[in-house]
Amino acid sequence: MRNRIPCTAARLGLLDPQMIRAVVDGSAFHIGNQYVTENRVRIVQADDVQITSAVIGKSGLYEQTLRLKDGQLVSKCSCTLPEGPMCRHCVAVLLEYHRWSQLREGQKANEPKEEKPRARTGESANGQGSTARASTGDVKLGDVMQFIEWLQPAMQAIQNGQALPDAPPIGTGDVAQWIDMIRSLETTRRVSEDAQARLESDLRDREAYVGRLTQQLQASIAEAKAAQAASQDCQADLARHRSLLEKVAELSSEVARYDGQVKALADEISSKGTQLEKLSGSFKEVSELLRSIARQLPPR
């Protein structure tokens, strides 16, 4: 993610926390300040106009580049957070660099001023006066001795994974650059170790998460198999019930047919009963007629 902010500051160290808070999101400033407090910021290389750094965020290690260019503060971070105009990691880098700049300026103010080498006036072979200045090279023997004394406990601290001891009060020159180089390498090593530890922790968490997902997947597969078996049983039961329903439908059709036949027989029987009643009435009439005839005949 890259952002640009108008900036009139001549040096990055002049950007104090109040100025940073005024132009960035409140949440980004709060989290960036928390990163500084938790010592998550590692400045790899820095000067007045450009900073190269790394920040251990909540999801991994992110790299940043901040520089002053053409009246603008250009910030670039490897994160993908939609925070504007500057992400929390770049905010943390600016806060850490301002703190570091203040400490460095305080140390410079407390350092004793070096005396300038005095010129010695001698007389040359031709009788003319000549001035010879005391020359000082970039590498001084005293600085080298102090560096060697500091290097042994520094190497021991690196081997034990401890913080580097305080550097000897060496001004500028090659020896100071050697110390800065060792500090930069140690900072890079610490960032790499922290990143590796975080990556290993993330890997263990991901492996545990994958293990849980695997268990859940196996349980889901077992449940799916059980559901499939239950579905097959239900299909078999459904087929049996359909067969029973077909038989019931056939029986119902037979019952309806028999019911029709029974009704027809009942109607026929009813009709026969009516006929029988008529015949019975006729028989009664004939019987009464025969009785009346028998009464009218003379006795023998």
C-alpha atoms as a PDB file:
ATOM      1  CA  MET A   1       0.000   0.000   0.000  1.00  0.00           C
ATOM      2  CA  ARG A   2       1.407   3.395  -1.018  1.00  0.00           C
ATOM      3  CA  ASN A   3       0.205   6.836   0.126  1.00  0.00           C
ATOM      4  CA  ARG A   4       1.303  10.431  -0.323  1.00  0.00           C
ATOM      5  CA  ILE A   5       0.834  13.241   2.190  1.00  0.00           C
ATOM      6  CA  PRO A   6       1.821  16.896   1.629  1.00  0.00           C
ATOM      7  CA  CYS A   7       4.703  17.662   3.997  1.00  0.00           C
ATOM      8  CA  THR A   8       6.798  20.798   4.446  1.00  0.00           C
ATOM      9  CA  ALA A   9       9.235  19.300   6.981  1.00  0.00           C
ATOM     10  CA  ALA A  10      12.875  19.307   5.907  1.00  0.00           C
ATOM     11  CA  ARG A  11      13.738  16.212   7.979  1.00  0.00           C
ATOM     12  CA  LEU A  12      11.748  13.155   8.999  1.00  0.00           C
ATOM     13  CA  GLY A  13      12.870  13.627  12.596  1.00  0.00           C
ATOM     14  CA  LEU A  14      10.864  16.868  12.764  1.00  0.00           C
ATOM     15  CA  LEU A  15       7.577  14.958  12.466  1.00  0.00           C
ATOM     16  CA  ASP A  16       6.520  14.773  16.113  1.00  0.00           C
ATOM     17  CA  PRO A  17       3.609  12.678  17.469  1.00  0.00           C
ATOM     18  CA  GLN A  18       1.229  15.671  17.506  1.00  0.00           C
ATOM     19  CA  MET A  19       1.802  16.332  13.806  1.00  0.00           C
ATOM     20  CA  ILE A  20       1.380  12.637  12.971  1.00  0.00           C
ATOM     21  CA  ARG A  21      -1.817  12.370  15.040  1.00  0.00           C
ATOM     22  CA  ALA A  22      -3.279  15.386  13.217  1.00  0.00           C
ATOM     23  CA  VAL A  23      -3.113  13.780   9.748  1.00  0.00           C
ATOM     24  CA  VAL A  24      -3.744  10.050  10.319  1.00  0.00           C
ATOM     25  CA  ASP A  25      -6.698   8.021  11.484  1.00  0.00           C
ATOM     26  CA  GLY A  26      -7.161   7.877  15.256  1.00  0.00           C
ATOM     27  CA  SER A  27      -7.286   4.088  15.354  1.00  0.00           C
ATOM     28  CA  ALA A  28      -4.139   3.784  13.201  1.00  0.00           C
ATOM     29  CA  PHE A  29      -2.274   6.224  15.501  1.00  0.00           C
ATOM     30  CA  HIS A  30      -3.360   4.346  18.648  1.00  0.00           C
ATOM     31  CA  ILE A  31      -2.298   0.937  17.284  1.00  0.00           C
ATOM     32  CA  GLY A  32       0.964   2.368  15.866  1.00  0.00           C
ATOM     33  CA  ASN A  33       1.828   3.865  19.249  1.00  0.00           C
ATOM     34  CA  GLN A  34       1.053   0.513  20.843  1.00  0.00           C
ATOM     35  CA  TYR A  35       3.469  -1.186  18.416  1.00  0.00           C
ATOM     36  CA  VAL A  36       6.192   1.254  19.505  1.00  0.00           C
ATOM     37  CA  THR A  37       5.471   0.545  23.173  1.00  0.00           C
ATOM     38  CA  GLU A  38       5.631  -3.211  22.552  1.00  0.00           C
ATOM     39  CA  ASN A  39       9.001  -2.818  20.728  1.00  0.00           C
ATOM     40  CA  ARG A  40       7.679  -4.206  17.447  1.00  0.00           C
ATOM     41  CA  VAL A  41       9.417  -1.630  15.225  1.00  0.00           C
ATOM     42  CA  ARG A  42      12.813  -2.340  13.665  1.00  0.00           C
ATOM     43  CA  ILE A  43      14.490   0.504  11.746  1.00  0.00           C
ATOM     44  CA  VAL A  44      16.903  -1.110   9.296  1.00  0.00           C
ATOM     45  CA  GLN A  45      18.318   2.070   7.709  1.00  0.00           C
ATOM     46  CA  ALA A  46      17.438   5.717   8.184  1.00  0.00           C
ATOM     47  CA  ASP A  47      18.552   9.242   7.419  1.00  0.00           C
ATOM     48  CA  ASP A  48      16.903  12.656   7.334  1.00  0.00           C
ATOM     49  CA  VAL A  49      14.848  11.959   4.185  1.00  0.00           C
ATOM     50  CA  GLN A  50      14.307   8.193   4.022  1.00  0.00           C
ATOM     51  CA  ILE A  51      13.583   5.300   6.393  1.00  0.00           C
ATOM     52  CA  THR A  52      13.666   1.585   5.678  1.00  0.00           C
ATOM     53  CA  SER A  53      12.059  -0.501   8.410  1.00  0.00           C
ATOM     54  CA  ALA A  54      10.072  -3.568   9.412  1.00  0.00           C
ATOM     55  CA  VAL A  55       7.154  -3.901  11.829  1.00  0.00           C
ATOM     56  CA  ILE A  56       5.868  -7.065  13.461  1.00  0.00           C
ATOM     57  CA  GLY A  57       2.122  -6.699  13.074  1.00  0.00           C
ATOM     58  CA  LYS A  58      -0.722  -8.836  14.326  1.00  0.00           C
ATOM     59  CA  SER A  59      -0.665 -11.071  11.236  1.00  0.00           C
ATOM     60  CA  GLY A  60       3.035 -11.186  10.342  1.00  0.00           C
ATOM     61  CA  LEU A  61       6.077  -9.104   9.419  1.00  0.00           C
ATOM     62  CA  TYR A  62       5.566  -6.047   7.183  1.00  0.00           C
ATOM     63  CA  GLU A  63       8.215  -3.928   5.459  1.00  0.00           C
ATOM     64  CA  GLN A  64       8.024  -0.144   5.055  1.00  0.00           C
ATOM     65  CA  THR A  65       9.777   2.595   3.127  1.00  0.00           C
ATOM     66  CA  LEU A  66       9.134   6.270   3.995  1.00  0.00           C
ATOM     67  CA  ARG A  67      10.807   9.230   2.299  1.00  0.00           C
ATOM     68  CA  LEU A  68      10.472  12.966   1.787  1.00  0.00           C
ATOM     69  CA  LYS A  69      10.252  13.815  -1.902  1.00  0.00           C
ATOM     70  CA  ASP A  70       9.134  17.013  -3.659  1.00  0.00           C
ATOM     71  CA  GLY A  71       7.283  18.370  -0.618  1.00  0.00           C
ATOM     72  CA  GLN A  72       5.450  15.128   0.036  1.00  0.00           C
ATOM     73  CA  LEU A  73       5.779  12.296   2.521  1.00  0.00           C
ATOM     74  CA  VAL A  74       5.627   9.072   0.501  1.00  0.00           C
ATOM     75  CA  SER A  75       4.891   5.962   2.562  1.00  0.00           C
ATOM     76  CA  LYS A  76       4.907   2.392   1.282  1.00  0.00           C
ATOM     77  CA  CYS A  77       4.031  -0.723   3.293  1.00  0.00           C
ATOM     78  CA  SER A  78       3.683  -4.376   2.348  1.00  0.00           C
ATOM     79  CA  CYS A  79       0.382  -4.641   4.224  1.00  0.00           C
ATOM     80  CA  THR A  80      -3.037  -4.456   2.551  1.00  0.00           C
ATOM     81  CA  LEU A  81      -4.901  -2.503   5.231  1.00  0.00           C
ATOM     82  CA  PRO A  82      -7.275   0.172   3.836  1.00  0.00           C
ATOM     83  CA  GLU A  83      -6.103   2.787   6.340  1.00  0.00           C
ATOM     84  CA  GLY A  84      -5.492   6.241   4.998  1.00  0.00           C
ATOM     85  CA  PRO A  85      -3.651   8.400   4.493  1.00  0.00           C
ATOM     86  CA  MET A  86      -1.119   6.172   6.272  1.00  0.00           C
ATOM     87  CA  CYS A  87      -1.325   2.679   7.750  1.00  0.00           C
ATOM     88  CA  ARG A  88      -0.634   1.828  11.397  1.00  0.00           C
ATOM     89  CA  HIS A  89       2.755   0.297  10.548  1.00  0.00           C
ATOM     90  CA  CYS A  90       4.078   3.490   8.896  1.00  0.00           C
ATOM     91  CA  VAL A  91       2.717   5.503  11.839  1.00  0.00           C
ATOM     92  CA  ALA A  92       4.647   3.243  14.226  1.00  0.00           C
ATOM     93  CA  VAL A  93       7.847   3.747  12.176  1.00  0.00           C
ATOM     94  CA  LEU A  94       7.530   7.565  12.269  1.00  0.00           C
ATOM     95  CA  LEU A  95       6.893   7.519  16.028  1.00  0.00           C
ATOM     96  CA  GLU A  96       9.870   5.232  16.631  1.00  0.00           C
ATOM     97  CA  TYR A  97      12.140   7.314  14.385  1.00  0.00           C
ATOM     98  CA  HIS A  98      11.130  10.523  16.190  1.00  0.00           C
ATOM     99  CA  ARG A  99      11.893   8.886  19.547  1.00  0.00           C
ATOM    100  CA  TRP A 100      15.212   7.615  18.218  1.00  0.00           C
ATOM    101  CA  SER A 101      16.075  11.055  16.804  1.00  0.00           C
ATOM    102  CA  GLN A 102      15.357  12.719  20.139  1.00  0.00           C
ATOM    103  CA  LEU A 103      17.588  10.237  21.946  1.00  0.00           C
ATOM    104  CA  ARG A 104      20.359  10.701  19.395  1.00  0.00           C
ATOM    105  CA  GLU A 105      20.212  14.494  19.610  1.00  0.00           C
ATOM    106  CA  GLY A 106      20.333  14.251  23.406  1.00  0.00           C
ATOM    107  CA  GLN A 107      23.409  12.040  23.244  1.00  0.00           C
ATOM    108  CA  LYS A 108      25.119  14.444  20.856  1.00  0.00           C
ATOM    109  CA  ALA A 109      24.372  17.347  23.173  1.00  0.00           C
ATOM    110  CA  ASN A 110      25.938  15.494  26.120  1.00  0.00           C
ATOM    111  CA  GLU A 111      29.076  14.419  24.235  1.00  0.00           C
ATOM    112  CA  PRO A 112      32.230  16.533  24.938  1.00  0.00           C
ATOM    113  CA  LYS A 113      33.366  18.633  22.017  1.00  0.00           C
ATOM    114  CA  GLU A 114      36.584  17.505  20.400  1.00  0.00           C
ATOM    115  CA  GLU A 115      39.418  19.967  20.270  1.00  0.00           C
ATOM    116  CA  LYS A 116      40.533  20.940  16.814  1.00  0.00           C
ATOM    117  CA  PRO A 117      44.135  19.950  16.032  1.00  0.00           C
ATOM    118  CA  ARG A 118      46.494  22.857  16.344  1.00  0.00           C
ATOM    119  CA  ALA A 119      48.878  23.828  13.588  1.00  0.00           C
ATOM    120  CA  ARG A 120      52.595  23.702  14.170  1.00  0.00           C
ATOM    121  CA  THR A 121      54.813  26.288  12.507  1.00  0.00           C
ATOM    122  CA  GLY A 122      58.261  25.207  11.398  1.00  0.00           C
ATOM    123  CA  GLU A 123      60.951  26.480   9.117  1.00  0.00           C
ATOM    124  CA  SER A 124      61.719  24.774   5.847  1.00  0.00           C
ATOM    125  CA  ALA A 125      65.159  24.132   4.396  1.00  0.00           C
ATOM    126  CA  ASN A 126      64.862  27.135   2.103  1.00  0.00           C
ATOM    127  CA  GLY A 127      64.186  29.400   5.066  1.00  0.00           C
ATOM    128  CA  GLN A 128      60.515  30.011   4.341  1.00  0.00           C
ATOM    129  CA  GLY A 129      57.825  29.400   6.994  1.00  0.00           C
ATOM    130  CA  SER A 130      55.532  26.413   6.481  1.00  0.00           C
ATOM    131  CA  THR A 131      52.465  25.248   8.428  1.00  0.00           C
ATOM    132  CA  ALA A 132      51.903  21.538   9.110  1.00  0.00           C
ATOM    133  CA  ARG A 133      48.492  20.502  10.431  1.00  0.00           C
ATOM    134  CA  ALA A 134      47.981  17.386  12.539  1.00  0.00           C
ATOM    135  CA  SER A 135      46.283  14.957  10.247  1.00  0.00           C
ATOM    136  CA  THR A 136      43.643  12.567  11.531  1.00  0.00           C
ATOM    137  CA  GLY A 137      42.521   9.590   9.480  1.00  0.00           C
ATOM    138  CA  ASP A 138      39.092   8.007   9.459  1.00  0.00           C
ATOM    139  CA  VAL A 139      40.380   5.139  11.635  1.00  0.00           C
ATOM    140  CA  LYS A 140      41.989   6.027  14.958  1.00  0.00           C
ATOM    141  CA  LEU A 141      43.888   3.524  17.042  1.00  0.00           C
ATOM    142  CA  GLY A 142      42.027   4.502  20.204  1.00  0.00           C
ATOM    143  CA  ASP A 143      38.673   4.024  18.463  1.00  0.00           C
ATOM    144  CA  VAL A 144      39.800   0.632  17.155  1.00  0.00           C
ATOM    145  CA  MET A 145      40.842  -0.480  20.651  1.00  0.00           C
ATOM    146  CA  GLN A 146      37.508   0.629  22.094  1.00  0.00           C
ATOM    147  CA  PHE A 147      35.733  -1.176  19.252  1.00  0.00           C
ATOM    148  CA  ILE A 148      37.660  -4.400  19.938  1.00  0.00           C
ATOM    149  CA  GLU A 149      36.827  -4.187  23.659  1.00  0.00           C
ATOM    150  CA  TRP A 150      33.159  -3.659  22.788  1.00  0.00           C
ATOM    151  CA  LEU A 151      33.102  -6.356  20.096  1.00  0.00           C
ATOM    152  CA  GLN A 152      33.808  -9.300  22.428  1.00  0.00           C
ATOM    153  CA  PRO A 153      30.839  -8.759  24.801  1.00  0.00           C
ATOM    154  CA  ALA A 154      28.738  -7.805  21.768  1.00  0.00           C
ATOM    155  CA  MET A 155      29.473 -11.147  20.074  1.00  0.00           C
ATOM    156  CA  GLN A 156      28.755 -12.966  23.341  1.00  0.00           C
ATOM    157  CA  ALA A 157      25.445 -11.107  23.659  1.00  0.00           C
ATOM    158  CA  ILE A 158      24.564 -12.050  20.075  1.00  0.00           C
ATOM    159  CA  GLN A 159      25.344 -15.708  20.760  1.00  0.00           C
ATOM    160  CA  ASN A 160      23.207 -15.662  23.916  1.00  0.00           C
ATOM    161  CA  GLY A 161      20.377 -13.861  22.163  1.00  0.00           C
ATOM    162  CA  GLN A 162      20.697 -10.815  24.418  1.00  0.00           C
ATOM    163  CA  ALA A 163      20.660  -7.105  23.655  1.00  0.00           C
ATOM    164  CA  LEU A 164      23.885  -5.491  22.505  1.00  0.00           C
ATOM    165  CA  PRO A 165      25.865  -3.618  25.179  1.00  0.00           C
ATOM    166  CA  ASP A 166      26.142   0.156  24.981  1.00  0.00           C
ATOM    167  CA  ALA A 167      28.584   1.231  22.299  1.00  0.00           C
ATOM    168  CA  PRO A 168      31.706   3.203  23.260  1.00  0.00           C
ATOM    169  CA  PRO A 169      31.531   7.002  22.775  1.00  0.00           C
ATOM    170  CA  ILE A 170      32.996   7.069  19.273  1.00  0.00           C
ATOM    171  CA  GLY A 171      32.177  10.056  17.100  1.00  0.00           C
ATOM    172  CA  THR A 172      32.164   9.582  13.350  1.00  0.00           C
ATOM    173  CA  GLY A 173      34.354   7.592  11.034  1.00  0.00           C
ATOM    174  CA  ASP A 174      34.803   4.037   9.854  1.00  0.00           C
ATOM    175  CA  VAL A 175      34.732   2.544  13.367  1.00  0.00           C
ATOM    176  CA  ALA A 176      31.377   4.198  14.099  1.00  0.00           C
ATOM    177  CA  GLN A 177      30.123   2.821  10.794  1.00  0.00           C
ATOM    178  CA  TRP A 178      31.312  -0.644  11.864  1.00  0.00           C
ATOM    179  CA  ILE A 179      29.298  -0.372  15.068  1.00  0.00           C
ATOM    180  CA  ASP A 180      26.244   0.886  13.193  1.00  0.00           C
ATOM    181  CA  MET A 181      26.606  -2.002  10.738  1.00  0.00           C
ATOM    182  CA  ILE A 182      26.738  -4.553  13.580  1.00  0.00           C
ATOM    183  CA  ARG A 183      23.697  -2.924  15.194  1.00  0.00           C
ATOM    184  CA  SER A 184      21.853  -3.016  11.877  1.00  0.00           C
ATOM    185  CA  LEU A 185      22.743  -6.686  11.375  1.00  0.00           C
ATOM    186  CA  GLU A 186      21.651  -7.477  14.932  1.00  0.00           C
ATOM    187  CA  THR A 187      18.387  -5.617  14.390  1.00  0.00           C
ATOM    188  CA  THR A 188      17.818  -7.506  11.150  1.00  0.00           C
ATOM    189  CA  ARG A 189      18.593 -10.773  12.947  1.00  0.00           C
ATOM    190  CA  ARG A 190      16.168  -9.962  15.739  1.00  0.00           C
ATOM    191  CA  VAL A 191      13.480  -9.040  13.216  1.00  0.00           C
ATOM    192  CA  SER A 192      14.125 -12.294  11.378  1.00  0.00           C
ATOM    193  CA  GLU A 193      14.014 -14.304  14.611  1.00  0.00           C
ATOM    194  CA  ASP A 194      10.811 -12.590  15.718  1.00  0.00           C
ATOM    195  CA  ALA A 195       9.317 -13.141  12.282  1.00  0.00           C
ATOM    196  CA  GLN A 196      10.442 -16.767  12.304  1.00  0.00           C
ATOM    197  CA  ALA A 197       8.996 -17.317  15.781  1.00  0.00           C
ATOM    198  CA  ARG A 198       5.733 -15.703  14.728  1.00  0.00           C
ATOM    199  CA  LEU A 199       5.668 -17.747  11.525  1.00  0.00           C
ATOM    200  CA  GLU A 200       6.363 -20.930  13.480  1.00  0.00           C
ATOM    201  CA  SER A 201       3.583 -20.028  15.903  1.00  0.00           C
ATOM    202  CA  ASP A 202       1.256 -19.296  12.988  1.00  0.00           C
ATOM    203  CA  LEU A 203       2.299 -22.591  11.396  1.00  0.00           C
ATOM    204  CA  ARG A 204       1.536 -24.483  14.595  1.00  0.00           C
ATOM    205  CA  ASP A 205      -1.811 -22.717  14.865  1.00  0.00           C
ATOM    206  CA  ARG A 206      -2.564 -23.508  11.234  1.00  0.00           C
ATOM    207  CA  GLU A 207      -1.559 -27.152  11.723  1.00  0.00           C
ATOM    208  CA  ALA A 208      -3.817 -27.372  14.772  1.00  0.00           C
ATOM    209  CA  TYR A 209      -6.586 -25.677  12.795  1.00  0.00           C
ATOM    210  CA  VAL A 210      -6.061 -28.098   9.888  1.00  0.00           C
ATOM    211  CA  GLY A 211      -6.149 -30.988  12.384  1.00  0.00           C
ATOM    212  CA  ARG A 212      -9.455 -29.743  13.776  1.00  0.00           C
ATOM    213  CA  LEU A 213     -10.803 -29.312  10.257  1.00  0.00           C
ATOM    214  CA  THR A 214      -9.650 -32.837   9.400  1.00  0.00           C
ATOM    215  CA  GLN A 215     -11.429 -34.227  12.436  1.00  0.00           C
ATOM    216  CA  GLN A 216     -14.542 -32.263  11.567  1.00  0.00           C
ATOM    217  CA  LEU A 217     -14.288 -33.472   7.979  1.00  0.00           C
ATOM    218  CA  GLN A 218     -13.953 -37.098   9.093  1.00  0.00           C
ATOM    219  CA  ALA A 219     -16.921 -36.657  11.431  1.00  0.00           C
ATOM    220  CA  SER A 220     -18.891 -35.056   8.595  1.00  0.00           C
ATOM    221  CA  ILE A 221     -17.964 -37.944   6.278  1.00  0.00           C
ATOM    222  CA  ALA A 222     -19.120 -40.452   8.919  1.00  0.00           C
ATOM    223  CA  GLU A 223     -22.345 -38.500   9.382  1.00  0.00           C
ATOM    224  CA  ALA A 224     -22.817 -38.356   5.616  1.00  0.00           C
ATOM    225  CA  LYS A 225     -22.337 -42.123   5.357  1.00  0.00           C
ATOM    226  CA  ALA A 226     -24.816 -42.666   8.193  1.00  0.00           C
ATOM    227  CA  ALA A 227     -27.250 -40.274   6.523  1.00  0.00           C
ATOM    228  CA  GLN A 228     -26.754 -42.097   3.215  1.00  0.00           C
ATOM    229  CA  ALA A 229     -27.477 -45.459   4.888  1.00  0.00           C
ATOM    230  CA  ALA A 230     -30.547 -43.971   6.597  1.00  0.00           C
ATOM    231  CA  SER A 231     -31.654 -42.551   3.252  1.00  0.00           C
ATOM    232  CA  GLN A 232     -31.306 -45.971   1.624  1.00  0.00           C
ATOM    233  CA  ASP A 233     -33.352 -47.494   4.456  1.00  0.00           C
ATOM    234  CA  CYS A 234     -35.971 -44.789   3.992  1.00  0.00           C
ATOM    235  CA  GLN A 235     -36.068 -45.471   0.256  1.00  0.00           C
ATOM    236  CA  ALA A 236     -36.532 -49.192   0.922  1.00  0.00           C
ATOM    237  CA  ASP A 237     -39.329 -48.410   3.421  1.00  0.00           C
ATOM    238  CA  LEU A 238     -40.891 -46.074   0.887  1.00  0.00           C
ATOM    239  CA  ALA A 239     -40.807 -48.777  -1.781  1.00  0.00           C
ATOM    240  CA  ARG A 240     -42.479 -51.230   0.621  1.00  0.00           C
ATOM    241  CA  HIS A 241     -45.097 -48.651   1.552  1.00  0.00           C
ATOM    242  CA  ARG A 242     -45.776 -47.973  -2.113  1.00  0.00           C
ATOM    243  CA  SER A 243     -46.231 -51.690  -2.700  1.00  0.00           C
ATOM    244  CA  LEU A 244     -48.613 -51.857   0.261  1.00  0.00           C
ATOM    245  CA  LEU A 245     -50.503 -48.835  -1.032  1.00  0.00           C
ATOM    246  CA  GLU A 246     -50.867 -50.491  -4.437  1.00  0.00           C
ATOM    247  CA  LYS A 247     -52.230 -53.635  -2.777  1.00  0.00           C
ATOM    248  CA  VAL A 248     -54.566 -51.541  -0.629  1.00  0.00           C
ATOM    249  CA  ALA A 249     -55.756 -49.759  -3.777  1.00  0.00           C
ATOM    250  CA  GLU A 250     -56.392 -53.118  -5.449  1.00  0.00           C
ATOM    251  CA  LEU A 251     -58.284 -54.357  -2.362  1.00  0.00           C
ATOM    252  CA  SER A 252     -60.270 -51.147  -2.282  1.00  0.00           C
ATOM    253  CA  SER A 253     -61.185 -51.650  -5.929  1.00  0.00           C
ATOM    254  CA  GLU A 254     -62.214 -55.270  -5.185  1.00  0.00           C
ATOM    255  CA  VAL A 255     -64.244 -54.117  -2.178  1.00  0.00           C
ATOM    256  CA  ALA A 256     -65.975 -51.501  -4.306  1.00  0.00           C
ATOM    257  CA  ARG A 257     -66.724 -54.112  -6.956  1.00  0.00           C
ATOM    258  CA  TYR A 258     -68.043 -56.553  -4.329  1.00  0.00           C
ATOM    259  CA  ASP A 259     -70.078 -53.768  -2.782  1.00  0.00           C
ATOM    260  CA  GLY A 260     -71.715 -53.145  -6.136  1.00  0.00           C
ATOM    261  CA  GLN A 261     -72.464 -56.827  -6.521  1.00  0.00           C
ATOM    262  CA  VAL A 262     -73.888 -56.979  -2.990  1.00  0.00           C
ATOM    263  CA  LYS A 263     -76.099 -53.990  -3.732  1.00  0.00           C
ATOM    264  CA  ALA A 264     -77.274 -55.648  -6.940  1.00  0.00           C
ATOM    265  CA  LEU A 265     -78.027 -58.862  -5.043  1.00  0.00           C
ATOM    266  CA  ALA A 266     -79.841 -56.886  -2.361  1.00  0.00           C
ATOM    267  CA  ASP A 267     -81.955 -55.171  -5.030  1.00  0.00           C
ATOM    268  CA  GLU A 268     -82.683 -58.558  -6.636  1.00  0.00           C
ATOM    269  CA  ILE A 269     -83.595 -60.099  -3.284  1.00  0.00           C
ATOM    270  CA  SER A 270     -85.798 -57.129  -2.532  1.00  0.00           C
ATOM    271  CA  SER A 271     -87.507 -57.610  -5.894  1.00  0.00           C
ATOM    272  CA  LYS A 272     -87.956 -61.364  -5.217  1.00  0.00           C
ATOM    273  CA  GLY A 273     -89.367 -60.547  -1.789  1.00  0.00           C
ATOM    274  CA  THR A 274     -91.930 -58.260  -3.370  1.00  0.00           C
ATOM    275  CA  GLN A 275     -92.901 -60.993  -5.789  1.00  0.00           C
ATOM    276  CA  LEU A 276     -93.123 -63.495  -2.947  1.00  0.00           C
ATOM    277  CA  GLU A 277     -95.367 -61.153  -1.011  1.00  0.00           C
ATOM    278  CA  LYS A 278     -97.632 -60.878  -4.031  1.00  0.00           C
ATOM    279  CA  LEU A 279     -97.722 -64.664  -4.424  1.00  0.00           C
ATOM    280  CA  SER A 280     -98.450 -65.004  -0.706  1.00  0.00           C
ATOM    281  CA  GLY A 281    -101.369 -62.605  -1.093  1.00  0.00           C
ATOM    282  CA  SER A 282    -102.628 -64.603  -4.077  1.00  0.00           C
ATOM    283  CA  PHE A 283    -102.304 -67.832  -2.104  1.00  0.00           C
ATOM    284  CA  LYS A 284    -104.322 -66.284   0.734  1.00  0.00           C
ATOM    285  CA  GLU A 285    -107.057 -65.249  -1.633  1.00  0.00           C
ATOM    286  CA  VAL A 286    -107.213 -68.732  -3.234  1.00  0.00           C
ATOM    287  CA  SER A 287    -107.270 -70.302   0.201  1.00  0.00           C
ATOM    288  CA  GLU A 288    -110.151 -68.112   1.324  1.00  0.00           C
ATOM    289  CA  LEU A 289    -111.977 -68.811  -1.913  1.00  0.00           C
ATOM    290  CA  LEU A 290    -111.561 -72.565  -1.445  1.00  0.00           C
ATOM    291  CA  ARG A 291    -112.768 -72.284   2.127  1.00  0.00           C
ATOM    292  CA  SER A 292    -115.847 -70.374   1.045  1.00  0.00           C
ATOM    293  CA  ILE A 293    -116.544 -72.942  -1.635  1.00  0.00           C
ATOM    294  CA  ALA A 294    -116.112 -75.760   0.830  1.00  0.00           C
ATOM    295  CA  ARG A 295    -118.606 -74.233   3.190  1.00  0.00           C
ATOM    296  CA  GLN A 296    -121.195 -73.934   0.432  1.00  0.00           C
ATOM    297  CA  LEU A 297    -121.002 -77.638  -0.558  1.00  0.00           C
ATOM    298  CA  PRO A 298    -123.617 -79.948   1.098  1.00  0.00           C
ATOM    299  CA  PRO A 299    -122.268 -82.383   3.613  1.00  0.00           C
ATOM    300  CA  ARG A 300    -121.887 -86.007   2.549  1.00  0.00           C
END
